[in-house]
Amino acid sequence: MELILAVAMLAIILAIAIPRFDVPLTTKLRLENETRRIQADLFLTRRLAITHRDTYILKVYPVKNEYAIFKNRVVPQNQIGETRIIKTQISASGDNNFIFELLGNLAANSGTNLNLSSGVYQYEISVIIPTGKVNITEL
């Protein structure tokens, strides 16, 4: 009985302590997860442009650490869905506007690279202009 109680208490203490213990592996996994989420939203923006045969923009706000999807122009009434917040401890830098045209390609004045970093880890999201294909590279 005492052994079961000791194991239960240890499990409770570990359940509280482990999420607060920021090991490099969890930092990398958080960054990778956030990178894949932004990649998925870039895919979504491209699909919207193709499906609706219109221009769609993924706008990144690096200072606020957030981004949003817009139809045609970056104005509040054209926003699609809610503003997505980039997780804390992850910083974004690079291009701010990813403009997808009706064929799924990027516009000539569109950004092509977004870098995400956390601690010593860094990922680059790049979009190929003629095809709109989204790639992730660990730097």
N, C-alpha and C. Protein backbone atom coordinates (compact mmCIF):
# COMPACT_ATOMS: atom_id res chain seq x y z
N MET A 1 0.83 -1.20 0.00
CA MET A 1 0.00 0.00 0.00
C MET A 1 0.87 1.26 0.00
N GLU A 2 1.92 1.24 0.83
CA GLU A 2 2.80 2.41 0.89
C GLU A 2 3.55 2.61 -0.41
N LEU A 3 3.89 1.50 -1.06
CA LEU A 3 4.58 1.60 -2.34
C LEU A 3 3.68 2.25 -3.39
N ILE A 4 2.45 1.87 -3.44
CA ILE A 4 1.50 2.47 -4.39
C ILE A 4 1.33 3.95 -4.12
N LEU A 5 1.25 4.32 -2.86
CA LEU A 5 1.12 5.74 -2.49
C LEU A 5 2.38 6.52 -2.89
N ALA A 6 3.54 5.95 -2.71
CA ALA A 6 4.79 6.61 -3.08
C ALA A 6 4.88 6.79 -4.60
N VAL A 7 4.49 5.79 -5.34
CA VAL A 7 4.52 5.87 -6.80
C VAL A 7 3.52 6.92 -7.29
N ALA A 8 2.34 6.96 -6.68
CA ALA A 8 1.33 7.95 -7.06
C ALA A 8 1.82 9.37 -6.78
N MET A 9 2.47 9.57 -5.64
CA MET A 9 2.98 10.90 -5.31
C MET A 9 4.09 11.30 -6.28
N LEU A 10 4.96 10.36 -6.62
CA LEU A 10 6.03 10.64 -7.58
C LEU A 10 5.45 10.99 -8.94
N ALA A 11 4.41 10.30 -9.37
CA ALA A 11 3.77 10.59 -10.65
C ALA A 11 3.17 11.99 -10.67
N ILE A 12 2.56 12.40 -9.58
CA ILE A 12 1.99 13.75 -9.49
C ILE A 12 3.08 14.80 -9.56
N ILE A 13 4.17 14.59 -8.84
CA ILE A 13 5.28 15.55 -8.85
C ILE A 13 5.88 15.65 -10.25
N LEU A 14 6.07 14.52 -10.93
CA LEU A 14 6.62 14.54 -12.28
C LEU A 14 5.66 15.19 -13.27
N ALA A 15 4.37 14.97 -13.10
CA ALA A 15 3.38 15.57 -13.99
C ALA A 15 3.40 17.09 -13.89
N ILE A 16 3.73 17.60 -12.73
CA ILE A 16 3.82 19.06 -12.53
C ILE A 16 5.16 19.58 -13.03
N ALA A 17 6.24 18.87 -12.76
CA ALA A 17 7.59 19.36 -13.03
C ALA A 17 8.00 19.25 -14.49
N ILE A 18 7.66 18.18 -15.18
CA ILE A 18 8.16 17.95 -16.54
C ILE A 18 7.73 19.02 -17.53
N PRO A 19 6.47 19.45 -17.58
CA PRO A 19 6.13 20.49 -18.55
C PRO A 19 6.88 21.81 -18.32
N ARG A 20 7.29 22.08 -17.11
CA ARG A 20 8.01 23.31 -16.81
C ARG A 20 9.50 23.17 -17.10
N PHE A 21 9.96 21.96 -17.25
CA PHE A 21 11.36 21.69 -17.52
C PHE A 21 11.58 21.77 -19.02
N ASP A 22 12.17 22.84 -19.49
CA ASP A 22 12.31 23.10 -20.92
C ASP A 22 13.62 22.52 -21.43
N VAL A 23 13.56 21.28 -21.86
CA VAL A 23 14.74 20.63 -22.40
C VAL A 23 14.86 20.97 -23.89
N PRO A 24 16.05 20.88 -24.45
CA PRO A 24 16.23 21.21 -25.86
C PRO A 24 15.30 20.43 -26.80
N LEU A 25 15.00 19.19 -26.47
CA LEU A 25 14.13 18.39 -27.34
C LEU A 25 12.73 19.00 -27.42
N THR A 26 12.18 19.45 -26.31
CA THR A 26 10.84 20.05 -26.35
C THR A 26 10.87 21.37 -27.10
N THR A 27 11.96 22.13 -26.98
CA THR A 27 12.08 23.38 -27.73
C THR A 27 12.06 23.10 -29.23
N LYS A 28 12.82 22.11 -29.65
CA LYS A 28 12.87 21.76 -31.07
C LYS A 28 11.51 21.24 -31.55
N LEU A 29 10.85 20.42 -30.75
CA LEU A 29 9.55 19.88 -31.15
C LEU A 29 8.50 20.98 -31.26
N ARG A 30 8.52 21.94 -30.32
CA ARG A 30 7.58 23.07 -30.40
C ARG A 30 7.81 23.87 -31.68
N LEU A 31 9.08 24.12 -31.99
CA LEU A 31 9.42 24.88 -33.19
C LEU A 31 9.01 24.12 -34.45
N GLU A 32 9.28 22.84 -34.50
CA GLU A 32 8.91 22.03 -35.66
C GLU A 32 7.39 22.00 -35.83
N ASN A 33 6.66 21.86 -34.74
CA ASN A 33 5.20 21.84 -34.78
C ASN A 33 4.66 23.17 -35.32
N GLU A 34 5.20 24.27 -34.84
CA GLU A 34 4.75 25.59 -35.29
C GLU A 34 5.09 25.81 -36.77
N THR A 35 6.25 25.34 -37.20
CA THR A 35 6.66 25.45 -38.60
C THR A 35 5.69 24.68 -39.50
N ARG A 36 5.32 23.50 -39.09
CA ARG A 36 4.38 22.68 -39.87
C ARG A 36 2.99 23.31 -39.90
N ARG A 37 2.59 23.97 -38.81
CA ARG A 37 1.28 24.63 -38.77
C ARG A 37 1.25 25.80 -39.77
N ILE A 38 2.32 26.57 -39.84
CA ILE A 38 2.38 27.68 -40.80
C ILE A 38 2.46 27.14 -42.22
N GLN A 39 3.18 26.05 -42.42
CA GLN A 39 3.23 25.42 -43.73
C GLN A 39 1.82 25.00 -44.16
N ALA A 40 1.06 24.41 -43.26
CA ALA A 40 -0.31 23.99 -43.57
C ALA A 40 -1.18 25.20 -43.92
N ASP A 41 -0.99 26.31 -43.24
CA ASP A 41 -1.76 27.52 -43.55
C ASP A 41 -1.35 28.13 -44.89
N LEU A 42 -0.08 27.98 -45.27
CA LEU A 42 0.34 28.40 -46.61
C LEU A 42 -0.31 27.52 -47.67
N PHE A 43 -0.38 26.20 -47.42
CA PHE A 43 -1.10 25.29 -48.32
C PHE A 43 -2.56 25.71 -48.44
N LEU A 44 -3.18 26.03 -47.31
CA LEU A 44 -4.59 26.45 -47.29
C LEU A 44 -4.77 27.72 -48.13
N THR A 45 -3.88 28.70 -47.95
CA THR A 45 -3.97 29.95 -48.69
C THR A 45 -3.87 29.68 -50.19
N ARG A 46 -2.97 28.82 -50.57
CA ARG A 46 -2.81 28.46 -51.99
C ARG A 46 -4.07 27.77 -52.51
N ARG A 47 -4.62 26.82 -51.73
CA ARG A 47 -5.84 26.12 -52.15
C ARG A 47 -7.02 27.07 -52.31
N LEU A 48 -7.13 28.03 -51.39
CA LEU A 48 -8.20 29.03 -51.49
C LEU A 48 -8.08 29.83 -52.78
N ALA A 49 -6.85 30.22 -53.14
CA ALA A 49 -6.63 30.99 -54.37
C ALA A 49 -7.04 30.19 -55.60
N ILE A 50 -6.69 28.91 -55.62
CA ILE A 50 -7.03 28.06 -56.76
C ILE A 50 -8.54 27.80 -56.81
N THR A 51 -9.12 27.44 -55.68
CA THR A 51 -10.54 27.08 -55.62
C THR A 51 -11.44 28.26 -55.96
N HIS A 52 -11.14 29.42 -55.41
CA HIS A 52 -12.00 30.59 -55.61
C HIS A 52 -11.53 31.46 -56.78
N ARG A 53 -10.45 31.05 -57.43
CA ARG A 53 -9.89 31.78 -58.59
C ARG A 53 -9.74 33.26 -58.27
N ASP A 54 -9.00 33.51 -57.19
CA ASP A 54 -8.78 34.88 -56.72
C ASP A 54 -7.43 34.95 -56.01
N THR A 55 -7.02 36.14 -55.64
CA THR A 55 -5.76 36.33 -54.93
C THR A 55 -6.00 36.18 -53.43
N TYR A 56 -5.15 35.39 -52.77
CA TYR A 56 -5.21 35.23 -51.32
C TYR A 56 -3.82 35.49 -50.76
N ILE A 57 -3.79 36.10 -49.60
CA ILE A 57 -2.52 36.55 -49.00
C ILE A 57 -2.40 36.00 -47.59
N LEU A 58 -1.23 35.44 -47.28
CA LEU A 58 -0.90 35.12 -45.89
C LEU A 58 0.04 36.22 -45.43
N LYS A 59 -0.42 37.02 -44.48
CA LYS A 59 0.33 38.18 -43.98
C LYS A 59 0.92 37.84 -42.62
N VAL A 60 2.23 38.02 -42.47
CA VAL A 60 2.92 37.75 -41.21
C VAL A 60 3.21 39.08 -40.52
N TYR A 61 2.90 39.15 -39.23
CA TYR A 61 3.22 40.33 -38.41
C TYR A 61 4.31 39.91 -37.42
N PRO A 62 5.61 40.02 -37.79
CA PRO A 62 6.68 39.50 -36.94
C PRO A 62 6.77 40.18 -35.57
N VAL A 63 6.46 41.46 -35.50
CA VAL A 63 6.56 42.17 -34.21
C VAL A 63 5.51 41.64 -33.23
N LYS A 64 4.31 41.37 -33.73
CA LYS A 64 3.24 40.83 -32.89
C LYS A 64 3.33 39.31 -32.75
N ASN A 65 4.16 38.68 -33.58
CA ASN A 65 4.30 37.23 -33.61
C ASN A 65 2.97 36.55 -33.95
N GLU A 66 2.35 37.02 -35.03
CA GLU A 66 1.10 36.44 -35.49
C GLU A 66 0.98 36.58 -37.00
N TYR A 67 -0.04 35.91 -37.57
CA TYR A 67 -0.28 35.99 -39.00
C TYR A 67 -1.76 35.75 -39.28
N ALA A 68 -2.18 36.14 -40.49
CA ALA A 68 -3.57 35.98 -40.88
C ALA A 68 -3.66 35.79 -42.39
N ILE A 69 -4.79 35.26 -42.84
CA ILE A 69 -5.06 35.03 -44.26
C ILE A 69 -6.11 36.04 -44.72
N PHE A 70 -5.87 36.62 -45.90
CA PHE A 70 -6.78 37.64 -46.44
C PHE A 70 -7.12 37.31 -47.89
N LYS A 71 -8.30 37.76 -48.32
CA LYS A 71 -8.71 37.66 -49.72
C LYS A 71 -8.48 39.01 -50.37
N ASN A 72 -7.76 39.03 -51.48
CA ASN A 72 -7.49 40.21 -52.32
C ASN A 72 -6.56 41.24 -51.69
N ARG A 73 -6.95 41.85 -50.58
CA ARG A 73 -6.16 42.91 -49.97
C ARG A 73 -6.08 42.67 -48.46
N VAL A 74 -5.04 43.23 -47.86
CA VAL A 74 -4.86 43.10 -46.41
C VAL A 74 -5.63 44.22 -45.73
N VAL A 75 -6.93 43.98 -45.57
CA VAL A 75 -7.80 44.89 -44.82
C VAL A 75 -8.67 44.02 -43.91
N PRO A 76 -9.05 44.53 -42.75
CA PRO A 76 -9.77 43.70 -41.77
C PRO A 76 -11.01 42.98 -42.32
N GLN A 77 -11.78 43.63 -43.17
CA GLN A 77 -13.01 42.99 -43.66
C GLN A 77 -12.73 41.84 -44.63
N ASN A 78 -11.50 41.73 -45.13
CA ASN A 78 -11.15 40.64 -46.05
C ASN A 78 -10.45 39.47 -45.36
N GLN A 79 -10.35 39.53 -44.05
CA GLN A 79 -9.64 38.46 -43.33
C GLN A 79 -10.46 37.17 -43.35
N ILE A 80 -9.77 36.07 -43.59
CA ILE A 80 -10.38 34.74 -43.60
C ILE A 80 -10.03 34.06 -42.28
N GLY A 81 -11.02 33.72 -41.49
CA GLY A 81 -10.75 33.06 -40.21
C GLY A 81 -10.16 34.02 -39.20
N GLU A 82 -9.59 33.47 -38.18
CA GLU A 82 -9.04 34.30 -37.10
C GLU A 82 -7.54 34.48 -37.26
N THR A 83 -7.02 35.48 -36.59
CA THR A 83 -5.58 35.70 -36.57
C THR A 83 -4.93 34.56 -35.79
N ARG A 84 -3.88 34.00 -36.35
CA ARG A 84 -3.18 32.90 -35.70
C ARG A 84 -1.95 33.45 -34.97
N ILE A 85 -1.78 33.03 -33.75
CA ILE A 85 -0.67 33.50 -32.93
C ILE A 85 0.46 32.49 -33.00
N ILE A 86 1.66 32.97 -33.28
CA ILE A 86 2.84 32.11 -33.26
C ILE A 86 3.23 31.91 -31.81
N LYS A 87 3.47 30.68 -31.43
CA LYS A 87 3.72 30.34 -30.03
C LYS A 87 4.85 31.15 -29.42
N THR A 88 4.72 31.38 -28.12
CA THR A 88 5.76 32.11 -27.40
C THR A 88 7.09 31.36 -27.49
N GLN A 89 8.16 32.06 -27.34
CA GLN A 89 9.52 31.55 -27.43
C GLN A 89 9.93 31.21 -28.85
N ILE A 90 9.06 31.51 -29.83
CA ILE A 90 9.40 31.30 -31.23
C ILE A 90 9.33 32.66 -31.92
N SER A 91 10.39 33.02 -32.63
CA SER A 91 10.38 34.30 -33.33
C SER A 91 10.37 34.07 -34.84
N ALA A 92 9.67 34.96 -35.54
CA ALA A 92 9.55 34.88 -36.99
C ALA A 92 10.29 36.05 -37.62
N SER A 93 10.96 35.79 -38.73
CA SER A 93 11.63 36.85 -39.48
C SER A 93 11.62 36.47 -40.96
N GLY A 94 11.85 37.47 -41.79
CA GLY A 94 11.86 37.21 -43.22
C GLY A 94 10.76 37.99 -43.91
N ASP A 95 10.21 37.41 -44.97
CA ASP A 95 9.18 38.08 -45.75
C ASP A 95 7.85 38.10 -45.00
N ASN A 96 7.06 39.16 -45.25
CA ASN A 96 5.81 39.35 -44.52
C ASN A 96 4.56 38.99 -45.32
N ASN A 97 4.63 39.06 -46.64
CA ASN A 97 3.46 38.80 -47.48
C ASN A 97 3.71 37.64 -48.42
N PHE A 98 2.84 36.64 -48.36
CA PHE A 98 2.87 35.53 -49.30
C PHE A 98 1.59 35.62 -50.11
N ILE A 99 1.72 36.08 -51.36
CA ILE A 99 0.56 36.40 -52.20
C ILE A 99 0.38 35.30 -53.24
N PHE A 100 -0.69 34.52 -53.11
CA PHE A 100 -0.98 33.44 -54.04
C PHE A 100 -2.01 33.91 -55.06
N GLU A 101 -1.71 33.67 -56.34
CA GLU A 101 -2.62 34.04 -57.41
C GLU A 101 -3.53 32.88 -57.77
N LEU A 102 -4.47 33.11 -58.67
CA LEU A 102 -5.52 32.14 -58.95
C LEU A 102 -5.06 30.80 -59.50
N LEU A 103 -3.84 30.71 -60.02
CA LEU A 103 -3.31 29.42 -60.48
C LEU A 103 -2.50 28.71 -59.40
N GLY A 104 -2.40 29.31 -58.23
CA GLY A 104 -1.65 28.70 -57.13
C GLY A 104 -0.20 29.13 -57.06
N ASN A 105 0.23 29.94 -58.02
CA ASN A 105 1.60 30.43 -58.00
C ASN A 105 1.70 31.67 -57.12
N LEU A 106 2.93 32.04 -56.76
CA LEU A 106 3.13 33.27 -56.01
C LEU A 106 3.20 34.45 -56.97
N ALA A 107 2.69 35.58 -56.54
CA ALA A 107 2.81 36.82 -57.31
C ALA A 107 4.27 37.24 -57.36
N ALA A 108 4.63 38.01 -58.38
CA ALA A 108 6.03 38.44 -58.54
C ALA A 108 6.51 39.29 -57.36
N ASN A 109 5.60 40.04 -56.74
CA ASN A 109 5.98 40.90 -55.61
C ASN A 109 5.79 40.22 -54.26
N SER A 110 5.60 38.92 -54.27
CA SER A 110 5.37 38.16 -53.05
C SER A 110 6.67 37.80 -52.34
N GLY A 111 6.55 37.59 -51.05
CA GLY A 111 7.68 37.07 -50.30
C GLY A 111 7.85 35.58 -50.58
N THR A 112 9.03 35.07 -50.33
CA THR A 112 9.28 33.65 -50.59
C THR A 112 9.85 32.90 -49.39
N ASN A 113 10.35 33.61 -48.37
CA ASN A 113 11.01 32.93 -47.24
C ASN A 113 10.53 33.47 -45.90
N LEU A 114 10.36 32.54 -44.96
CA LEU A 114 10.03 32.90 -43.59
C LEU A 114 10.89 32.03 -42.69
N ASN A 115 11.60 32.65 -41.76
CA ASN A 115 12.45 31.92 -40.82
C ASN A 115 11.80 31.91 -39.45
N LEU A 116 11.79 30.74 -38.82
CA LEU A 116 11.30 30.59 -37.46
C LEU A 116 12.45 30.08 -36.61
N SER A 117 12.63 30.67 -35.44
CA SER A 117 13.73 30.24 -34.58
C SER A 117 13.29 30.21 -33.12
N SER A 118 13.94 29.32 -32.39
CA SER A 118 13.74 29.20 -30.95
C SER A 118 15.02 28.63 -30.38
N GLY A 119 15.68 29.41 -29.54
CA GLY A 119 16.96 28.97 -28.99
C GLY A 119 17.97 28.80 -30.12
N VAL A 120 18.60 27.65 -30.16
CA VAL A 120 19.62 27.39 -31.19
C VAL A 120 19.02 26.76 -32.45
N TYR A 121 17.73 26.47 -32.43
CA TYR A 121 17.09 25.80 -33.56
C TYR A 121 16.45 26.81 -34.49
N GLN A 122 16.50 26.49 -35.80
CA GLN A 122 15.93 27.39 -36.79
C GLN A 122 15.42 26.60 -37.99
N TYR A 123 14.25 27.00 -38.49
CA TYR A 123 13.67 26.42 -39.70
C TYR A 123 13.39 27.53 -40.69
N GLU A 124 13.51 27.19 -41.97
CA GLU A 124 13.16 28.13 -43.02
C GLU A 124 12.00 27.54 -43.83
N ILE A 125 10.95 28.34 -43.99
CA ILE A 125 9.85 27.98 -44.87
C ILE A 125 10.06 28.76 -46.16
N SER A 126 10.14 28.06 -47.29
CA SER A 126 10.32 28.74 -48.57
C SER A 126 9.21 28.31 -49.52
N VAL A 127 8.78 29.26 -50.33
CA VAL A 127 7.73 29.01 -51.31
C VAL A 127 8.31 29.29 -52.69
N ILE A 128 8.12 28.35 -53.60
CA ILE A 128 8.64 28.48 -54.96
C ILE A 128 7.65 29.33 -55.77
N ILE A 129 8.14 30.39 -56.37
CA ILE A 129 7.27 31.37 -57.05
C ILE A 129 6.42 30.76 -58.17
N PRO A 130 6.98 30.01 -59.14
CA PRO A 130 6.14 29.55 -60.25
C PRO A 130 5.07 28.53 -59.86
N THR A 131 5.35 27.72 -58.84
CA THR A 131 4.42 26.63 -58.51
C THR A 131 3.65 26.85 -57.20
N GLY A 132 4.19 27.67 -56.32
CA GLY A 132 3.56 27.87 -55.01
C GLY A 132 3.85 26.73 -54.04
N LYS A 133 4.77 25.85 -54.40
CA LYS A 133 5.12 24.72 -53.53
C LYS A 133 5.82 25.24 -52.28
N VAL A 134 5.44 24.67 -51.13
CA VAL A 134 5.98 25.11 -49.83
C VAL A 134 6.95 24.06 -49.32
N ASN A 135 8.18 24.49 -48.99
CA ASN A 135 9.22 23.61 -48.48
C ASN A 135 9.67 24.06 -47.11
N ILE A 136 10.12 23.10 -46.30
CA ILE A 136 10.69 23.40 -44.99
C ILE A 136 12.12 22.87 -44.96
N THR A 137 13.04 23.70 -44.45
CA THR A 137 14.43 23.30 -44.32
C THR A 137 14.88 23.61 -42.89
N GLU A 138 15.52 22.62 -42.26
CA GLU A 138 16.09 22.86 -40.95
C GLU A 138 17.48 23.47 -41.15
N LEU A 139 17.71 24.61 -40.51
CA LEU A 139 19.00 25.30 -40.69
C LEU A 139 19.95 24.98 -39.55
